[in-house]
Protein backbone atom coordinates (compact mmCIF):
# COMPACT_ATOMS: atom_id res chain seq x y z
CA MET A 1 32.79 -6.57 0.14
CA VAL A 2 30.68 -9.92 -0.36
CA HIS A 3 29.34 -11.34 2.76
CA GLU A 4 28.76 -15.19 3.03
CA ARG A 5 25.10 -16.23 3.92
CA VAL A 6 24.90 -17.24 7.28
CA GLN A 7 24.29 -21.09 7.43
CA ALA A 8 20.89 -22.32 8.81
CA GLU A 9 19.29 -25.68 8.81
CA ASN A 10 16.39 -26.16 6.00
CA VAL A 11 13.12 -25.37 7.33
CA ASP A 12 9.13 -26.37 6.11
CA VAL A 13 7.86 -23.07 4.39
CA THR A 14 4.80 -24.44 3.53
CA ILE A 15 3.26 -22.22 6.17
CA LEU A 16 3.56 -18.93 4.60
CA GLY A 17 1.21 -20.31 1.63
CA THR A 18 -1.79 -20.96 4.34
CA GLU A 19 -4.40 -18.96 5.53
CA LEU A 20 -3.89 -16.72 8.66
CA THR A 21 -6.85 -15.22 10.53
CA PHE A 22 -6.49 -12.32 12.59
CA ARG A 23 -8.04 -11.70 16.06
CA ASN A 24 -11.00 -9.68 14.09
CA GLY A 25 -11.89 -12.10 12.14
CA ARG A 26 -10.62 -10.96 8.85
CA LYS A 27 -8.56 -13.59 6.76
CA ALA A 28 -5.45 -13.09 4.54
CA LYS A 29 -5.53 -16.44 2.15
CA ASN A 30 -1.45 -16.56 3.16
CA ARG A 31 0.82 -15.01 4.76
CA PHE A 32 2.77 -12.89 2.23
CA LEU A 33 2.51 -9.00 3.07
CA LYS A 34 3.21 -5.98 0.19
CA ALA A 35 4.83 -3.42 2.63
CA ALA A 36 3.92 0.14 2.89
CA LEU A 37 6.05 2.30 0.09
CA SER A 38 6.26 5.77 -0.61
CA GLU A 39 5.39 5.41 -4.23
CA LYS A 40 5.44 8.70 -5.24
CA LEU A 41 3.24 8.47 -8.39
CA SER A 42 0.58 11.30 -7.71
CA THR A 43 0.39 14.81 -8.84
CA TRP A 44 2.21 17.70 -7.17
CA ASP A 45 1.71 21.39 -7.99
CA ASP A 46 4.21 23.70 -5.65
CA GLN A 47 1.27 26.35 -6.05
CA ASP A 48 -2.09 24.64 -5.75
CA PRO A 49 -2.58 22.66 -3.16
CA SER A 50 -5.97 21.45 -4.82
CA LYS A 51 -3.66 19.83 -7.94
CA ARG A 52 -1.48 17.53 -5.41
CA GLY A 53 -1.89 13.89 -4.58
CA ILE A 54 -4.31 12.80 -7.27
CA PRO A 55 -3.20 9.16 -8.40
CA THR A 56 -1.65 8.81 -11.65
CA GLN A 57 -2.51 6.02 -14.09
CA GLU A 58 1.02 4.56 -13.14
CA LEU A 59 0.07 4.34 -9.36
CA ILE A 60 -3.14 2.47 -10.33
CA ASN A 61 -1.42 0.20 -12.54
CA ILE A 62 1.02 -0.61 -9.97
CA TYR A 63 -1.60 -1.33 -7.48
CA ASP A 64 -3.71 -3.36 -9.95
CA LYS A 65 -0.55 -5.70 -10.30
CA TRP A 66 0.01 -5.84 -6.66
CA GLY A 67 -3.59 -6.67 -6.01
CA ASN A 68 -3.70 -9.53 -8.73
CA GLY A 69 -0.13 -10.69 -7.12
CA GLY A 70 -1.40 -12.85 -4.98
CA TYR A 71 -0.50 -11.44 -1.80
CA GLY A 72 -2.16 -12.21 1.37
CA VAL A 73 -2.41 -8.38 3.02
CA ILE A 74 -1.18 -5.51 0.97
CA LEU A 75 -0.39 -2.08 2.86
CA THR A 76 -0.71 0.94 1.04
CA GLY A 77 1.91 3.81 0.88
CA ASN A 78 1.62 6.64 2.68
CA ILE A 79 -1.59 8.57 2.04
CA ALA A 80 -1.86 12.22 3.26
CA VAL A 81 -5.04 13.46 4.60
CA ASP A 82 -4.09 17.51 4.22
CA PRO A 83 -3.07 18.78 0.99
CA VAL A 84 -0.70 21.27 2.71
CA ARG A 85 1.18 19.29 4.94
CA ILE A 86 2.45 16.44 3.23
CA SER A 87 5.34 14.34 4.16
CA ILE A 88 6.71 13.85 0.92
CA LYS A 89 5.72 15.49 -2.66
CA GLN A 90 3.52 13.08 -5.19
CA ALA A 91 2.15 11.12 -2.32
CA ALA A 92 -1.49 10.11 -2.80
CA LEU A 93 -4.03 12.30 -0.90
CA LEU A 94 -7.47 10.98 0.06
CA ARG A 95 -9.68 13.97 0.45
CA GLN A 96 -13.18 13.85 1.83
CA THR A 97 -15.10 14.37 -0.97
CA THR A 98 -13.45 11.86 -3.55
CA THR A 99 -12.67 7.99 -3.05
CA SER A 100 -8.91 7.40 -4.33
CA ASN A 101 -8.93 4.91 -7.59
CA TYR A 102 -5.76 3.23 -6.78
CA VAL A 103 -7.34 2.40 -3.67
CA MET A 104 -10.41 1.01 -5.01
CA VAL A 105 -8.40 -0.53 -7.52
CA ALA A 106 -6.22 -2.43 -5.24
CA ILE A 107 -9.39 -3.41 -3.04
CA GLU A 108 -10.54 -4.85 -5.93
CA ALA A 109 -7.87 -6.81 -7.21
CA SER A 110 -7.06 -8.38 -3.76
CA ALA A 111 -10.83 -9.00 -2.70
CA GLY A 112 -10.82 -6.56 0.23
CA LYS A 113 -7.56 -7.20 1.52
CA VAL A 114 -6.30 -4.07 1.56
CA TRP A 115 -5.02 -2.13 4.80
CA GLN A 116 -4.79 1.74 4.35
CA TYR A 117 -1.56 3.46 5.52
CA SER A 118 -2.41 6.87 6.60
CA ALA A 119 -0.57 9.37 7.95
CA ARG A 120 -2.49 11.11 11.06
CA ARG A 121 -2.19 14.92 11.17
CA GLN A 122 -0.11 16.46 13.88
CA ALA A 123 -2.09 19.11 15.84
């Protein structure tokens, strides 16, 4: 079944291309936001937690493309902080001893306009 589009009056969308200043003083170059996704492009090993959540080249590449895509704000996918309690297989894992390459690539490509969405460990 195909639904007809709801009729609406034309509106000026140029505001979407204008800079947005947040209350904390940070600025986005426009009002386009790349939403958080579960990319599932990191490593996974059922037996060895130390081999989980390592960003693959595919993940680095996609964040590089998004970072250079002109978004005003980029929200990362779910980033786990515990190698045992991961919500989905192949989620990226942020370890205290390392910096994730794909987050760094996204930050660099978007001039620092990346906000990390990270799951919090449940007590």
